[in-house]
Protein backbone atom coordinates (compact mmCIF):
# COMPACT_ATOMS: atom_id res chain seq x y z
CA MET A 1 -33.93 -29.96 33.53
CA LYS A 2 -33.82 -29.29 29.78
CA LYS A 3 -36.76 -26.90 30.08
CA TYR A 4 -34.88 -24.67 32.53
CA PHE A 5 -31.49 -24.92 30.83
CA PRO A 6 -31.60 -21.31 29.45
CA LEU A 7 -32.50 -20.04 32.93
CA TRP A 8 -29.52 -21.83 34.46
CA LEU A 9 -27.25 -20.26 31.85
CA LEU A 10 -28.64 -16.82 32.70
CA LEU A 11 -28.08 -17.42 36.42
CA LEU A 12 -24.48 -18.34 35.65
CA LEU A 13 -24.01 -15.29 33.43
CA LEU A 14 -25.34 -12.66 35.87
CA PRO A 15 -22.68 -12.99 38.63
CA PHE A 16 -19.94 -13.15 35.99
CA TRP A 17 -21.40 -10.03 34.37
CA ILE A 18 -21.36 -8.18 37.71
CA TYR A 19 -17.77 -9.29 38.41
CA THR A 20 -16.51 -8.04 35.04
CA GLY A 21 -18.16 -4.66 35.73
CA ILE A 22 -16.58 -4.32 39.18
CA ALA A 23 -13.13 -5.32 37.94
CA ALA A 24 -13.34 -3.56 34.55
CA CYS A 25 -10.19 -1.78 33.37
CA ASP A 26 -12.31 0.86 31.61
CA SER A 27 -15.92 1.28 32.74
CA ARG A 28 -16.84 2.98 29.45
CA VAL A 29 -15.90 -0.10 27.46
CA TRP A 30 -17.77 -2.36 29.87
CA ILE A 31 -20.91 -0.21 29.70
CA GLY A 32 -20.77 -0.08 25.91
CA GLU A 33 -20.50 -3.86 25.62
CA SER A 34 -23.14 -4.36 28.33
CA ILE A 35 -25.62 -2.36 26.27
CA LEU A 36 -25.16 -4.85 23.43
CA VAL A 37 -25.54 -7.79 25.83
CA LEU A 38 -28.76 -6.30 27.21
CA MET A 39 -30.12 -5.81 23.70
CA LEU A 40 -29.45 -9.46 22.86
CA LEU A 41 -31.01 -10.75 26.09
CA ALA A 42 -34.06 -8.54 25.56
CA ALA A 43 -34.47 -9.84 22.01
CA LEU A 44 -34.19 -13.45 23.20
CA TYR A 45 -36.73 -12.88 25.97
CA GLY A 46 -39.19 -11.14 23.64
CA SER A 47 -39.01 -13.92 21.04
CA ARG A 48 -38.88 -16.90 23.40
CA ARG A 49 -42.48 -17.99 22.62
CA HIS A 50 -42.58 -17.24 18.90
CA VAL A 51 -39.10 -18.57 18.14
CA PRO A 52 -38.12 -21.11 20.81
CA LEU A 53 -34.55 -22.17 20.23
CA SER A 54 -32.78 -25.36 21.24
CA ASN A 55 -30.56 -25.62 24.31
CA ARG A 56 -27.61 -25.98 21.94
CA SER A 57 -28.32 -22.53 20.52
CA TYR A 58 -28.61 -21.00 23.98
CA LEU A 59 -25.31 -22.63 24.99
CA PHE A 60 -23.53 -21.20 21.93
CA MET A 61 -24.83 -17.70 22.68
CA PHE A 62 -23.87 -18.07 26.35
CA LEU A 63 -20.28 -18.90 25.37
CA PHE A 64 -20.14 -15.86 23.11
CA LEU A 65 -21.44 -13.57 25.88
CA VAL A 66 -18.81 -14.93 28.27
CA MET A 67 -16.11 -14.07 25.71
CA THR A 68 -17.59 -10.60 25.17
CA LEU A 69 -17.76 -9.80 28.89
CA THR A 70 -14.23 -11.13 29.39
CA GLY A 71 -13.06 -8.76 26.66
CA ALA A 72 -15.01 -5.89 28.24
CA ARG A 73 -13.38 -6.66 31.61
CA TYR A 74 -9.92 -6.09 30.09
CA SER A 75 -10.92 -3.52 27.42
CA PHE A 76 -10.21 -6.31 24.88
CA GLU A 77 -6.64 -5.20 24.13
CA LEU A 78 -5.44 -6.13 27.64
CA VAL A 79 -6.91 -9.64 27.89
CA PRO A 80 -3.97 -11.78 29.14
CA TYR A 81 -4.86 -14.82 27.04
CA ASP A 82 -1.20 -15.41 26.20
CA GLN A 83 -0.30 -15.56 29.91
CA TRP A 84 -3.22 -17.94 30.48
CA GLY A 85 -1.99 -20.15 27.66
CA ARG A 86 1.56 -20.22 29.06
CA TYR A 87 0.24 -21.01 32.54
CA LEU A 88 -2.00 -23.87 31.38
CA SER A 89 0.19 -25.43 28.71
CA GLY A 90 3.55 -23.70 28.87
CA VAL A 91 3.06 -22.53 25.27
CA SER A 92 2.88 -18.90 24.12
CA ILE A 93 -0.04 -18.45 21.72
CA ASP A 94 1.39 -15.19 20.40
CA GLY A 95 4.79 -16.81 19.97
CA VAL A 96 3.45 -19.82 18.07
CA PHE A 97 1.39 -17.75 15.62
CA GLY A 98 3.64 -14.69 15.50
CA PHE A 99 1.01 -12.28 16.82
CA GLU A 100 2.31 -8.78 17.57
CA ARG A 101 -0.93 -7.30 18.93
CA ASN A 102 -3.48 -8.57 21.38
CA GLN A 103 -5.81 -10.72 19.27
CA PHE A 104 -8.66 -11.30 21.72
CA ASP A 105 -10.99 -8.88 19.94
CA ARG A 106 -10.30 -10.80 16.70
CA PHE A 107 -11.06 -14.10 18.44
CA THR A 108 -14.35 -12.66 19.71
CA HIS A 109 -15.50 -11.57 16.26
CA PHE A 110 -14.61 -14.97 14.82
CA ALA A 111 -16.56 -16.54 17.71
CA PHE A 112 -19.56 -14.35 16.89
CA GLY A 113 -19.84 -15.92 13.45
CA ALA A 114 -19.08 -19.41 14.74
CA PHE A 115 -21.40 -19.37 17.77
CA PHE A 116 -24.32 -17.48 16.27
CA TYR A 117 -24.47 -19.40 13.00
CA TYR A 118 -26.48 -22.31 14.39
CA PRO A 119 -29.00 -20.16 16.38
CA ILE A 120 -29.67 -17.99 13.32
CA TYR A 121 -29.95 -21.09 11.10
CA GLU A 122 -32.44 -22.56 13.57
CA ALA A 123 -34.48 -19.33 13.76
CA ILE A 124 -34.73 -19.04 9.97
CA LYS A 125 -35.85 -22.65 9.73
CA LYS A 126 -38.60 -22.05 12.32
CA LEU A 127 -39.79 -18.69 10.98
CA THR A 128 -39.83 -19.45 7.24
CA GLU A 129 -40.89 -22.19 4.91
CA VAL A 130 -37.40 -22.56 3.51
CA SER A 131 -36.45 -26.22 3.63
CA ARG A 132 -33.57 -26.62 1.19
CA HIS A 133 -30.22 -26.70 3.00
CA PHE A 134 -28.54 -24.53 0.37
CA TRP A 135 -30.92 -21.60 0.89
CA LEU A 136 -30.95 -22.03 4.68
CA HIS A 137 -27.16 -21.76 4.74
CA PHE A 138 -27.17 -18.90 2.24
CA PHE A 139 -29.63 -16.80 4.27
CA THR A 140 -27.89 -17.66 7.54
CA LEU A 141 -24.48 -16.63 6.21
CA SER A 142 -25.94 -13.39 4.82
CA LEU A 143 -27.55 -12.54 8.17
CA VAL A 144 -24.37 -13.25 10.11
CA ILE A 145 -22.38 -10.92 7.83
CA ALA A 146 -25.08 -8.25 8.13
CA ALA A 147 -25.20 -8.68 11.91
CA SER A 148 -21.40 -8.30 12.10
CA GLY A 149 -21.66 -4.95 10.30
CA ILE A 150 -24.60 -3.79 12.42
CA TYR A 151 -22.70 -4.82 15.56
CA GLU A 152 -19.79 -2.58 14.56
CA VAL A 153 -22.10 0.38 13.90
CA ILE A 154 -23.95 -0.02 17.21
CA GLU A 155 -20.67 -0.43 19.09
CA LEU A 156 -19.24 2.76 17.60
CA LEU A 157 -22.45 4.71 18.25
CA ALA A 158 -22.52 3.49 21.85
CA MET A 159 -18.90 4.55 22.40
CA TYR A 160 -19.56 7.91 20.74
CA VAL A 161 -22.49 8.58 23.06
CA LEU A 162 -20.60 7.45 26.17
CA ASP A 163 -17.32 9.18 25.36
CA ALA A 164 -16.76 11.04 22.10
CA GLU A 165 -13.00 11.16 22.73
CA SER A 166 -12.81 7.35 22.67
CA TYR A 167 -14.70 7.15 19.37
CA TRP A 168 -11.66 7.45 17.14
CA PHE A 169 -9.68 5.06 19.31
CA TYR A 170 -12.27 2.34 18.88
CA LEU A 171 -12.65 3.10 15.19
CA GLY A 172 -9.07 1.85 14.80
CA MET A 173 -8.52 -0.58 17.66
CA GLN A 174 -4.81 -0.78 18.60
CA GLY A 175 -3.84 1.56 15.78
CA ASP A 176 -5.36 -0.53 12.98
CA VAL A 177 -7.41 1.69 10.65
CA MET A 178 -8.84 -1.45 9.02
CA ASP A 179 -10.00 -2.88 12.35
CA THR A 180 -13.73 -2.67 11.56
CA SER A 181 -13.37 -4.32 8.15
CA LYS A 182 -11.23 -7.12 9.57
CA ASP A 183 -13.73 -7.73 12.37
CA ILE A 184 -16.58 -8.13 9.89
CA ALA A 185 -14.44 -10.43 7.75
CA LEU A 186 -13.61 -12.58 10.79
CA GLY A 187 -17.30 -12.84 11.62
CA MET A 188 -17.87 -14.16 8.11
CA LEU A 189 -15.00 -16.65 8.43
CA GLY A 190 -16.40 -17.86 11.75
CA ALA A 191 -19.76 -18.41 10.06
CA LEU A 192 -18.12 -20.32 7.22
CA PHE A 193 -16.33 -22.48 9.76
CA ALA A 194 -19.62 -23.24 11.57
CA MET A 195 -21.32 -23.95 8.25
CA GLY A 196 -18.59 -26.44 7.40
CA LEU A 197 -19.01 -28.23 10.72
CA MET A 198 -22.78 -28.42 10.24
CA ILE A 199 -22.46 -29.86 6.75
CA LEU A 200 -19.91 -32.39 8.02
CA SER A 201 -22.73 -34.02 9.96
CA LYS A 202 -24.61 -34.58 6.68
CA PRO A 203 -24.11 -37.49 4.22
CA TRP A 204 -20.66 -38.16 2.80
CA ARG A 205 -21.45 -36.60 -0.56
CA GLN A 206 -21.61 -33.18 1.09
CA ARG A 207 -18.46 -33.53 3.17
CA PRO A 208 -15.85 -32.34 0.60
CA VAL A 209 -17.63 -28.99 0.42
CA ALA A 210 -17.79 -28.81 4.20
CA LEU A 211 -14.09 -29.57 4.55
CA ALA A 212 -13.22 -26.81 2.08
CA LEU A 213 -15.37 -24.32 3.99
CA ALA A 214 -13.97 -25.36 7.35
CA LEU A 215 -10.37 -24.96 6.12
CA LEU A 216 -11.04 -21.67 4.34
CA PRO A 217 -9.70 -19.46 7.18
CA VAL A 218 -6.46 -21.47 7.25
CA VAL A 219 -6.08 -21.24 3.46
CA ILE A 220 -6.63 -17.47 3.48
CA ALA A 221 -4.15 -17.00 6.31
CA ALA A 222 -1.54 -19.12 4.55
CA ALA A 223 -2.05 -17.27 1.26
CA ASN A 224 -1.36 -13.88 2.88
CA PRO A 225 1.88 -14.14 4.85
CA ASP A 226 2.97 -10.90 6.49
CA ASP A 227 6.63 -10.17 5.85
CA GLU A 228 8.57 -9.50 9.05
CA ALA A 229 10.35 -6.37 7.76
CA LYS A 230 7.11 -4.84 6.46
CA ARG A 231 5.42 -5.60 9.76
CA ILE A 232 8.17 -3.85 11.71
CA ILE A 233 8.01 -0.77 9.47
CA ARG A 234 4.22 -0.64 9.67
CA ARG A 235 4.28 -0.82 13.46
CA SER A 236 6.92 1.90 13.64
CA PHE A 237 4.65 4.20 11.63
CA GLU A 238 1.74 3.33 13.90
CA ARG A 239 3.82 4.30 16.93
CA PHE A 240 4.54 7.71 15.45
CA GLU A 241 0.92 8.50 14.58
CA MET A 242 0.50 10.40 17.84
CA GLU A 243 0.40 14.05 18.91
CA SER A 244 3.83 13.72 20.52
CA VAL A 245 6.28 10.87 21.05
CA TYR A 246 9.64 10.14 22.68
CA SER A 247 11.72 7.08 21.88
CA GLU A 248 15.14 5.57 22.53
CA VAL A 249 16.48 3.53 19.61
CA HIS A 250 19.28 0.99 19.25
CA MET A 251 20.02 0.27 15.58
CA ASP A 252 22.49 -2.20 14.12
CA VAL A 253 23.58 -1.19 10.61
CA ILE A 254 25.08 -4.20 8.83
CA ARG A 255 26.60 -4.05 5.34
CA PRO A 256 29.13 -6.27 3.52
CA GLY A 257 32.49 -5.51 5.15
CA TRP A 258 31.12 -2.80 7.49
CA GLU A 259 28.97 -2.62 10.62
CA ASN A 260 27.83 0.20 12.87
CA ASP A 261 26.08 0.13 16.25
CA LEU A 262 24.01 3.31 16.58
CA HIS A 263 22.12 4.62 19.63
CA PHE A 264 19.95 7.73 19.55
CA ARG A 265 17.06 9.48 21.24
CA ALA A 266 14.17 10.95 19.26
CA TRP A 267 11.41 13.43 19.96
CA ALA A 268 8.51 14.23 17.61
CA LYS A 269 5.48 16.49 17.75
CA GLY A 270 2.98 15.75 15.01
CA ASP A 271 4.41 15.91 11.48
CA GLU A 272 5.97 19.35 11.90
CA PHE A 273 8.72 18.92 14.49
CA ALA A 274 11.25 16.16 15.12
CA LEU A 275 14.64 15.97 16.84
CA ILE A 276 17.13 13.09 16.75
CA HIS A 277 20.17 13.12 19.08
CA ILE A 278 22.88 10.48 18.60
CA THR A 279 24.30 9.12 21.88
CA ALA A 280 26.61 6.33 20.61
CA PRO A 281 29.14 5.38 19.26
CA ALA A 282 31.66 7.88 20.57
CA ARG A 283 32.80 9.09 17.14
CA GLU A 284 29.27 10.16 16.26
CA ARG A 285 27.96 11.10 19.72
CA GLY A 286 26.47 14.59 19.94
CA GLN A 287 25.28 14.84 16.34
CA ALA A 288 21.68 15.96 16.00
CA PHE A 289 19.06 16.29 13.27
CA LEU A 290 16.21 18.78 13.57
CA LYS A 291 13.11 18.84 11.37
CA ARG A 292 11.03 22.02 11.51
CA GLY A 293 8.26 22.09 8.93
CA ASN A 294 10.00 21.70 5.57
CA GLU A 295 13.42 22.56 7.02
CA LEU A 296 16.04 20.00 7.97
CA TRP A 297 19.03 20.99 10.19
CA HIS A 298 22.10 18.86 10.94
CA TRP A 299 24.31 19.72 13.94
CA ILE A 300 27.88 18.38 14.01
CA PRO A 301 29.77 19.26 17.24
């Protein structure tokens, strides 16, 4: 049974792979991710005799591939993990952690570092004469970080070849221009987390270091709180970074001793043209502001 464990995992993966392709929201995304999956499977098959890995390593990689194909099925940004969480536990994951964007792509990159750390550690140990745990962990962490960067490059090249118009969209997933850098950083944090768990299984004298490494992602997240007002402003700018946009806005202006409830409609085309038309309250209804290049016009009926 143990001998055929990798084969059983592959037989489980294939029908799931086919299903995600049939039900994919965007076939281009699915094809791009499938190319990466095929490359990994080909590498594992070609090295199966020279670098035989444990069933634990194959299981970790299987779990990562399931996450990747699930993301490809929903184009990553549409994965309904929050609905799944509410259905299973009645708790909103986004609500608990204050997420404002779909985080499944972030979870997947963290999982890459966490799930691939042990297989890479095992491969290095089998291929080299390195025996000291410090250097094994050092080289493994370095390779995971490098692999995270290479993964991003291959993913972008694959999307560019499949559809050049989608290239810039995937360069900044969900409007985040730092998406690639954050993905690589999350891969590193996932690797640090896996490293901490591995060291926890060692003697007690090594466990304080492991605990620090395992809690590092939590410490970093706690040390960088994102202010609510700044987050709202940043997202509003992201919404307007389009060729054209239409919006309806309800704004409460609150000052000491004075309040105003303002409603308006807004149109924008690039950075050159913008029109704002106030619809409420009655005393200000009909006013309009027009931006044309460097000119600003104010209409008062």
